[in-house]
Amino acid sequence: MIYETIGVIGIVVICIAGLPQLVKTVKTKSVEDLSLPFFILILVGASLLLVYSFYIEDLIYIIGNILTILITVLLIACIVGWRK
């Protein structure tokens, strides 16, 4: 039970970790200091974890990885769209 709780807390932290960056980026429209390769790697990693989450049939991790992918895709779109 304790390990499941730790896992849920971990996935929640990972999901919300990108939100401050997304909010700041949308507010300032400044993307010059953001690393596109970093976010692409996060996207690849979260996508692979999503496949694994479906394999082990763990709904919490499926939802968490989908949210992480969504936030990361939005940040990549900002970088590509607003980069000079």
PDB file of N, CA and C in Angstrom:
ATOM      1  N   MET A   1       0.823  -1.203   0.000  1.00  0.00           N
ATOM      2  CA  MET A   1       0.000   0.000   0.000  1.00  0.00           C
ATOM      3  C   MET A   1       0.865   1.264   0.000  1.00  0.00           C
ATOM      4  N   ILE A   2       1.925   1.273   0.780  1.00  0.00           N
ATOM      5  CA  ILE A   2       2.781   2.458   0.850  1.00  0.00           C
ATOM      6  C   ILE A   2       3.448   2.735  -0.493  1.00  0.00           C
ATOM      7  N   TYR A   3       3.820   1.680  -1.201  1.00  0.00           N
ATOM      8  CA  TYR A   3       4.492   1.873  -2.484  1.00  0.00           C
ATOM      9  C   TYR A   3       3.529   2.406  -3.547  1.00  0.00           C
ATOM     10  N   GLU A   4       2.277   1.995  -3.489  1.00  0.00           N
ATOM     11  CA  GLU A   4       1.277   2.529  -4.408  1.00  0.00           C
ATOM     12  C   GLU A   4       1.053   4.014  -4.143  1.00  0.00           C
ATOM     13  N   THR A   5       1.021   4.378  -2.865  1.00  0.00           N
ATOM     14  CA  THR A   5       0.845   5.787  -2.491  1.00  0.00           C
ATOM     15  C   THR A   5       2.029   6.617  -2.969  1.00  0.00           C
ATOM     16  N   ILE A   6       3.220   6.094  -2.775  1.00  0.00           N
ATOM     17  CA  ILE A   6       4.423   6.797  -3.256  1.00  0.00           C
ATOM     18  C   ILE A   6       4.371   6.946  -4.765  1.00  0.00           C
ATOM     19  N   GLY A   7       3.935   5.903  -5.466  1.00  0.00           N
ATOM     20  CA  GLY A   7       3.820   5.963  -6.924  1.00  0.00           C
ATOM     21  C   GLY A   7       2.822   7.006  -7.377  1.00  0.00           C
ATOM     22  N   VAL A   8       1.681   7.081  -6.722  1.00  0.00           N
ATOM     23  CA  VAL A   8       0.658   8.073  -7.071  1.00  0.00           C
ATOM     24  C   VAL A   8       1.184   9.479  -6.820  1.00  0.00           C
ATOM     25  N   ILE A   9       1.821   9.699  -5.697  1.00  0.00           N
ATOM     26  CA  ILE A   9       2.386  11.018  -5.395  1.00  0.00           C
ATOM     27  C   ILE A   9       3.439  11.378  -6.443  1.00  0.00           C
ATOM     28  N   GLY A  10       4.276  10.422  -6.808  1.00  0.00           N
ATOM     29  CA  GLY A  10       5.300  10.667  -7.818  1.00  0.00           C
ATOM     30  C   GLY A  10       4.719  11.059  -9.159  1.00  0.00           C
ATOM     31  N   ILE A  11       3.691  10.365  -9.616  1.00  0.00           N
ATOM     32  CA  ILE A  11       3.112  10.674 -10.922  1.00  0.00           C
ATOM     33  C   ILE A  11       2.408  12.031 -10.884  1.00  0.00           C
ATOM     34  N   VAL A  12       1.794  12.383  -9.744  1.00  0.00           N
ATOM     35  CA  VAL A  12       1.164  13.710  -9.614  1.00  0.00           C
ATOM     36  C   VAL A  12       2.225  14.800  -9.696  1.00  0.00           C
ATOM     37  N   VAL A  13       3.342  14.614  -9.005  1.00  0.00           N
ATOM     38  CA  VAL A  13       4.422  15.609  -9.039  1.00  0.00           C
ATOM     39  C   VAL A  13       4.964  15.758 -10.461  1.00  0.00           C
ATOM     40  N   ILE A  14       5.174  14.645 -11.141  1.00  0.00           N
ATOM     41  CA  ILE A  14       5.685  14.703 -12.510  1.00  0.00           C
ATOM     42  C   ILE A  14       4.683  15.398 -13.430  1.00  0.00           C
ATOM     43  N   CYS A  15       3.402  15.118 -13.232  1.00  0.00           N
ATOM     44  CA  CYS A  15       2.371  15.756 -14.073  1.00  0.00           C
ATOM     45  C   CYS A  15       2.350  17.268 -13.906  1.00  0.00           C
ATOM     46  N   ILE A  16       2.437  17.716 -12.671  1.00  0.00           N
ATOM     47  CA  ILE A  16       2.336  19.166 -12.447  1.00  0.00           C
ATOM     48  C   ILE A  16       3.673  19.884 -12.629  1.00  0.00           C
ATOM     49  N   ALA A  17       4.758  19.140 -12.766  1.00  0.00           N
ATOM     50  CA  ALA A  17       6.079  19.769 -12.879  1.00  0.00           C
ATOM     51  C   ALA A  17       6.189  20.678 -14.095  1.00  0.00           C
ATOM     52  N   GLY A  18       5.541  20.340 -15.176  1.00  0.00           N
ATOM     53  CA  GLY A  18       5.635  21.148 -16.383  1.00  0.00           C
ATOM     54  C   GLY A  18       4.693  22.337 -16.413  1.00  0.00           C
ATOM     55  N   LEU A  19       3.706  22.349 -15.526  1.00  0.00           N
ATOM     56  CA  LEU A  19       2.722  23.438 -15.554  1.00  0.00           C
ATOM     57  C   LEU A  19       3.308  24.826 -15.315  1.00  0.00           C
ATOM     58  N   PRO A  20       4.181  25.026 -14.319  1.00  0.00           N
ATOM     59  CA  PRO A  20       4.737  26.376 -14.145  1.00  0.00           C
ATOM     60  C   PRO A  20       5.475  26.869 -15.399  1.00  0.00           C
ATOM     61  N   GLN A  21       6.212  25.975 -16.062  1.00  0.00           N
ATOM     62  CA  GLN A  21       6.920  26.370 -17.277  1.00  0.00           C
ATOM     63  C   GLN A  21       5.933  26.721 -18.381  1.00  0.00           C
ATOM     64  N   LEU A  22       4.867  25.941 -18.515  1.00  0.00           N
ATOM     65  CA  LEU A  22       3.865  26.208 -19.544  1.00  0.00           C
ATOM     66  C   LEU A  22       3.170  27.537 -19.292  1.00  0.00           C
ATOM     67  N   VAL A  23       2.784  27.798 -18.048  1.00  0.00           N
ATOM     68  CA  VAL A  23       2.119  29.061 -17.709  1.00  0.00           C
ATOM     69  C   VAL A  23       3.040  30.240 -17.981  1.00  0.00           C
ATOM     70  N   LYS A  24       4.289  30.143 -17.550  1.00  0.00           N
ATOM     71  CA  LYS A  24       5.240  31.239 -17.770  1.00  0.00           C
ATOM     72  C   LYS A  24       5.480  31.460 -19.261  1.00  0.00           C
ATOM     73  N   THR A  25       5.612  30.387 -20.000  1.00  0.00           N
ATOM     74  CA  THR A  25       5.870  30.494 -21.440  1.00  0.00           C
ATOM     75  C   THR A  25       4.694  31.147 -22.157  1.00  0.00           C
ATOM     76  N   VAL A  26       3.479  30.742 -21.813  1.00  0.00           N
ATOM     77  CA  VAL A  26       2.298  31.324 -22.458  1.00  0.00           C
ATOM     78  C   VAL A  26       2.152  32.797 -22.089  1.00  0.00           C
ATOM     79  N   LYS A  27       2.427  33.143 -20.833  1.00  0.00           N
ATOM     80  CA  LYS A  27       2.309  34.536 -20.396  1.00  0.00           C
ATOM     81  C   LYS A  27       3.338  35.434 -21.069  1.00  0.00           C
ATOM     82  N   THR A  28       4.580  34.979 -21.148  1.00  0.00           N
ATOM     83  CA  THR A  28       5.661  35.830 -21.666  1.00  0.00           C
ATOM     84  C   THR A  28       5.921  35.644 -23.155  1.00  0.00           C
ATOM     85  N   LYS A  29       5.463  34.510 -23.704  1.00  0.00           N
ATOM     86  CA  LYS A  29       5.740  34.145 -25.097  1.00  0.00           C
ATOM     87  C   LYS A  29       7.252  34.146 -25.384  1.00  0.00           C
ATOM     88  N   SER A  30       8.025  33.903 -24.333  1.00  0.00           N
ATOM     89  CA  SER A  30       9.479  33.845 -24.455  1.00  0.00           C
ATOM     90  C   SER A  30       9.913  32.383 -24.425  1.00  0.00           C
ATOM     91  N   VAL A  31      10.515  31.931 -25.520  1.00  0.00           N
ATOM     92  CA  VAL A  31      10.937  30.526 -25.620  1.00  0.00           C
ATOM     93  C   VAL A  31      12.411  30.392 -25.949  1.00  0.00           C
ATOM     94  N   GLU A  32      13.115  31.493 -25.996  1.00  0.00           N
ATOM     95  CA  GLU A  32      14.518  31.469 -26.420  1.00  0.00           C
ATOM     96  C   GLU A  32      15.404  30.620 -25.512  1.00  0.00           C
ATOM     97  N   ASP A  33      15.082  30.567 -24.226  1.00  0.00           N
ATOM     98  CA  ASP A  33      15.920  29.817 -23.284  1.00  0.00           C
ATOM     99  C   ASP A  33      15.443  28.380 -23.059  1.00  0.00           C
ATOM    100  N   LEU A  34      14.406  27.972 -23.776  1.00  0.00           N
ATOM    101  CA  LEU A  34      13.906  26.609 -23.621  1.00  0.00           C
ATOM    102  C   LEU A  34      14.602  25.684 -24.612  1.00  0.00           C
ATOM    103  N   SER A  35      14.919  24.486 -24.157  1.00  0.00           N
ATOM    104  CA  SER A  35      15.641  23.515 -24.974  1.00  0.00           C
ATOM    105  C   SER A  35      14.656  22.573 -25.664  1.00  0.00           C
ATOM    106  N   LEU A  36      14.543  22.680 -26.979  1.00  0.00           N
ATOM    107  CA  LEU A  36      13.669  21.795 -27.746  1.00  0.00           C
ATOM    108  C   LEU A  36      14.077  20.320 -27.598  1.00  0.00           C
ATOM    109  N   PRO A  37      15.381  19.986 -27.698  1.00  0.00           N
ATOM    110  CA  PRO A  37      15.754  18.573 -27.519  1.00  0.00           C
ATOM    111  C   PRO A  37      15.339  18.002 -26.158  1.00  0.00           C
ATOM    112  N   PHE A  38      15.420  18.804 -25.119  1.00  0.00           N
ATOM    113  CA  PHE A  38      14.999  18.348 -23.787  1.00  0.00           C
ATOM    114  C   PHE A  38      13.535  17.933 -23.796  1.00  0.00           C
ATOM    115  N   PHE A  39      12.677  18.783 -24.352  1.00  0.00           N
ATOM    116  CA  PHE A  39      11.250  18.485 -24.353  1.00  0.00           C
ATOM    117  C   PHE A  39      10.910  17.337 -25.302  1.00  0.00           C
ATOM    118  N   ILE A  40      11.654  17.194 -26.378  1.00  0.00           N
ATOM    119  CA  ILE A  40      11.442  16.049 -27.259  1.00  0.00           C
ATOM    120  C   ILE A  40      11.795  14.748 -26.531  1.00  0.00           C
ATOM    121  N   LEU A  41      12.886  14.764 -25.774  1.00  0.00           N
ATOM    122  CA  LEU A  41      13.254  13.574 -24.999  1.00  0.00           C
ATOM    123  C   LEU A  41      12.212  13.254 -23.925  1.00  0.00           C
ATOM    124  N   ILE A  42      11.683  14.273 -23.272  1.00  0.00           N
ATOM    125  CA  ILE A  42      10.615  14.059 -22.297  1.00  0.00           C
ATOM    126  C   ILE A  42       9.399  13.437 -22.987  1.00  0.00           C
ATOM    127  N   LEU A  43       9.072  13.932 -24.175  1.00  0.00           N
ATOM    128  CA  LEU A  43       7.937  13.407 -24.934  1.00  0.00           C
ATOM    129  C   LEU A  43       8.149  11.936 -25.301  1.00  0.00           C
ATOM    130  N   VAL A  44       9.335  11.609 -25.769  1.00  0.00           N
ATOM    131  CA  VAL A  44       9.637  10.215 -26.121  1.00  0.00           C
ATOM    132  C   VAL A  44       9.549   9.322 -24.880  1.00  0.00           C
ATOM    133  N   GLY A  45      10.169   9.754 -23.779  1.00  0.00           N
ATOM    134  CA  GLY A  45      10.142   8.974 -22.551  1.00  0.00           C
ATOM    135  C   GLY A  45       8.731   8.765 -22.023  1.00  0.00           C
ATOM    136  N   ALA A  46       7.933   9.824 -21.997  1.00  0.00           N
ATOM    137  CA  ALA A  46       6.557   9.712 -21.503  1.00  0.00           C
ATOM    138  C   ALA A  46       5.709   8.836 -22.422  1.00  0.00           C
ATOM    139  N   SER A  47       5.972   8.906 -23.712  1.00  0.00           N
ATOM    140  CA  SER A  47       5.234   8.071 -24.668  1.00  0.00           C
ATOM    141  C   SER A  47       5.556   6.594 -24.460  1.00  0.00           C
ATOM    142  N   LEU A  48       6.832   6.291 -24.250  1.00  0.00           N
ATOM    143  CA  LEU A  48       7.223   4.904 -23.974  1.00  0.00           C
ATOM    144  C   LEU A  48       6.625   4.416 -22.655  1.00  0.00           C
ATOM    145  N   LEU A  49       6.636   5.276 -21.650  1.00  0.00           N
ATOM    146  CA  LEU A  49       6.024   4.910 -20.375  1.00  0.00           C
ATOM    147  C   LEU A  49       4.513   4.720 -20.506  1.00  0.00           C
ATOM    148  N   LEU A  50       3.882   5.479 -21.406  1.00  0.00           N
ATOM    149  CA  LEU A  50       2.454   5.313 -21.637  1.00  0.00           C
ATOM    150  C   LEU A  50       2.160   3.929 -22.218  1.00  0.00           C
ATOM    151  N   VAL A  51       2.968   3.509 -23.185  1.00  0.00           N
ATOM    152  CA  VAL A  51       2.804   2.169 -23.752  1.00  0.00           C
ATOM    153  C   VAL A  51       2.937   1.122 -22.646  1.00  0.00           C
ATOM    154  N   TYR A  52       3.957   1.271 -21.815  1.00  0.00           N
ATOM    155  CA  TYR A  52       4.170   0.331 -20.715  1.00  0.00           C
ATOM    156  C   TYR A  52       3.003   0.382 -19.721  1.00  0.00           C
ATOM    157  N   SER A  53       2.474   1.567 -19.458  1.00  0.00           N
ATOM    158  CA  SER A  53       1.355   1.715 -18.529  1.00  0.00           C
ATOM    159  C   SER A  53       0.124   0.968 -19.031  1.00  0.00           C
ATOM    160  N   PHE A  54      -0.103   1.010 -20.352  1.00  0.00           N
ATOM    161  CA  PHE A  54      -1.205   0.223 -20.915  1.00  0.00           C
ATOM    162  C   PHE A  54      -0.929  -1.274 -20.759  1.00  0.00           C
ATOM    163  N   TYR A  55       0.319  -1.664 -20.954  1.00  0.00           N
ATOM    164  CA  TYR A  55       0.694  -3.069 -20.834  1.00  0.00           C
ATOM    165  C   TYR A  55       0.431  -3.613 -19.425  1.00  0.00           C
ATOM    166  N   ILE A  56       0.781  -2.820 -18.412  1.00  0.00           N
ATOM    167  CA  ILE A  56       0.564  -3.275 -17.031  1.00  0.00           C
ATOM    168  C   ILE A  56      -0.834  -2.906 -16.526  1.00  0.00           C
ATOM    169  N   GLU A  57      -1.596  -2.222 -17.369  1.00  0.00           N
ATOM    170  CA  GLU A  57      -2.987  -1.847 -17.071  1.00  0.00           C
ATOM    171  C   GLU A  57      -3.115  -1.040 -15.776  1.00  0.00           C
ATOM    172  N   ASP A  58      -2.301   0.001 -15.678  1.00  0.00           N
ATOM    173  CA  ASP A  58      -2.319   0.856 -14.485  1.00  0.00           C
ATOM    174  C   ASP A  58      -2.898   2.218 -14.853  1.00  0.00           C
ATOM    175  N   LEU A  59      -4.157   2.425 -14.476  1.00  0.00           N
ATOM    176  CA  LEU A  59      -4.892   3.625 -14.876  1.00  0.00           C
ATOM    177  C   LEU A  59      -4.237   4.912 -14.386  1.00  0.00           C
ATOM    178  N   ILE A  60      -3.718   4.923 -13.164  1.00  0.00           N
ATOM    179  CA  ILE A  60      -3.077   6.124 -12.626  1.00  0.00           C
ATOM    180  C   ILE A  60      -1.900   6.535 -13.508  1.00  0.00           C
ATOM    181  N   TYR A  61      -1.083   5.573 -13.892  1.00  0.00           N
ATOM    182  CA  TYR A  61       0.077   5.882 -14.717  1.00  0.00           C
ATOM    183  C   TYR A  61      -0.331   6.229 -16.148  1.00  0.00           C
ATOM    184  N   ILE A  62      -1.400   5.641 -16.642  1.00  0.00           N
ATOM    185  CA  ILE A  62      -1.904   5.992 -17.970  1.00  0.00           C
ATOM    186  C   ILE A  62      -2.328   7.451 -17.977  1.00  0.00           C
ATOM    187  N   ILE A  63      -3.135   7.844 -17.008  1.00  0.00           N
ATOM    188  CA  ILE A  63      -3.598   9.238 -16.932  1.00  0.00           C
ATOM    189  C   ILE A  63      -2.421  10.183 -16.728  1.00  0.00           C
ATOM    190  N   GLY A  64      -1.515   9.818 -15.836  1.00  0.00           N
ATOM    191  CA  GLY A  64      -0.348  10.671 -15.573  1.00  0.00           C
ATOM    192  C   GLY A  64       0.509  10.874 -16.798  1.00  0.00           C
ATOM    193  N   ASN A  65       0.759   9.803 -17.542  1.00  0.00           N
ATOM    194  CA  ASN A  65       1.590   9.930 -18.741  1.00  0.00           C
ATOM    195  C   ASN A  65       0.883  10.707 -19.845  1.00  0.00           C
ATOM    196  N   ILE A  66      -0.432  10.542 -19.954  1.00  0.00           N
ATOM    197  CA  ILE A  66      -1.185  11.327 -20.939  1.00  0.00           C
ATOM    198  C   ILE A  66      -1.088  12.810 -20.607  1.00  0.00           C
ATOM    199  N   LEU A  67      -1.231  13.157 -19.335  1.00  0.00           N
ATOM    200  CA  LEU A  67      -1.129  14.568 -18.943  1.00  0.00           C
ATOM    201  C   LEU A  67       0.284  15.110 -19.180  1.00  0.00           C
ATOM    202  N   THR A  68       1.285  14.314 -18.872  1.00  0.00           N
ATOM    203  CA  THR A  68       2.664  14.735 -19.121  1.00  0.00           C
ATOM    204  C   THR A  68       2.901  14.952 -20.606  1.00  0.00           C
ATOM    205  N   ILE A  69       2.395  14.050 -21.433  1.00  0.00           N
ATOM    206  CA  ILE A  69       2.527  14.188 -22.895  1.00  0.00           C
ATOM    207  C   ILE A  69       1.814  15.445 -23.372  1.00  0.00           C
ATOM    208  N   LEU A  70       0.622  15.698 -22.866  1.00  0.00           N
ATOM    209  CA  LEU A  70      -0.144  16.884 -23.272  1.00  0.00           C
ATOM    210  C   LEU A  70       0.613  18.173 -22.953  1.00  0.00           C
ATOM    211  N   ILE A  71       1.097  18.294 -21.733  1.00  0.00           N
ATOM    212  CA  ILE A  71       1.843  19.494 -21.333  1.00  0.00           C
ATOM    213  C   ILE A  71       3.108  19.644 -22.180  1.00  0.00           C
ATOM    214  N   THR A  72       3.798  18.544 -22.415  1.00  0.00           N
ATOM    215  CA  THR A  72       5.040  18.586 -23.195  1.00  0.00           C
ATOM    216  C   THR A  72       4.770  18.965 -24.641  1.00  0.00           C
ATOM    217  N   VAL A  73       3.703  18.426 -25.227  1.00  0.00           N
ATOM    218  CA  VAL A  73       3.345  18.783 -26.608  1.00  0.00           C
ATOM    219  C   VAL A  73       3.011  20.272 -26.697  1.00  0.00           C
ATOM    220  N   LEU A  74       2.298  20.788 -25.713  1.00  0.00           N
ATOM    221  CA  LEU A  74       1.981  22.222 -25.710  1.00  0.00           C
ATOM    222  C   LEU A  74       3.250  23.065 -25.622  1.00  0.00           C
ATOM    223  N   LEU A  75       4.190  22.655 -24.793  1.00  0.00           N
ATOM    224  CA  LEU A  75       5.450  23.394 -24.693  1.00  0.00           C
ATOM    225  C   LEU A  75       6.248  23.306 -25.995  1.00  0.00           C
ATOM    226  N   ILE A  76       6.271  22.153 -26.618  1.00  0.00           N
ATOM    227  CA  ILE A  76       6.975  22.004 -27.913  1.00  0.00           C
ATOM    228  C   ILE A  76       6.312  22.899 -28.952  1.00  0.00           C
ATOM    229  N   ALA A  77       4.986  22.947 -28.955  1.00  0.00           N
ATOM    230  CA  ALA A  77       4.271  23.808 -29.906  1.00  0.00           C
ATOM    231  C   ALA A  77       4.617  25.276 -29.681  1.00  0.00           C
ATOM    232  N   CYS A  78       4.734  25.679 -28.420  1.00  0.00           N
ATOM    233  CA  CYS A  78       5.129  27.062 -28.116  1.00  0.00           C
ATOM    234  C   CYS A  78       6.543  27.334 -28.630  1.00  0.00           C
ATOM    235  N   ILE A  79       7.459  26.406 -28.375  1.00  0.00           N
ATOM    236  CA  ILE A  79       8.851  26.589 -28.803  1.00  0.00           C
ATOM    237  C   ILE A  79       8.912  26.719 -30.320  1.00  0.00           C
ATOM    238  N   VAL A  80       8.267  25.819 -31.024  1.00  0.00           N
ATOM    239  CA  VAL A  80       8.311  25.823 -32.495  1.00  0.00           C
ATOM    240  C   VAL A  80       7.590  27.045 -33.055  1.00  0.00           C
ATOM    241  N   GLY A  81       6.463  27.400 -32.450  1.00  0.00           N
ATOM    242  CA  GLY A  81       5.665  28.509 -32.963  1.00  0.00           C
ATOM    243  C   GLY A  81       6.215  29.893 -32.665  1.00  0.00           C
ATOM    244  N   TRP A  82       6.864  30.035 -31.525  1.00  0.00           N
ATOM    245  CA  TRP A  82       7.295  31.364 -31.090  1.00  0.00           C
ATOM    246  C   TRP A  82       8.806  31.606 -31.215  1.00  0.00           C
ATOM    247  N   ARG A  83       9.549  30.599 -31.608  1.00  0.00           N
ATOM    248  CA  ARG A  83      10.994  30.788 -31.737  1.00  0.00           C
ATOM    249  C   ARG A  83      11.274  31.702 -32.920  1.00  0.00           C
ATOM    250  N   LYS A  84      12.218  32.639 -32.739  1.00  0.00           N
ATOM    251  CA  LYS A  84      12.527  33.613 -33.797  1.00  0.00           C
ATOM    252  C   LYS A  84      13.570  33.090 -34.734  1.00  0.00           C
TER     253      LYS A  84
END
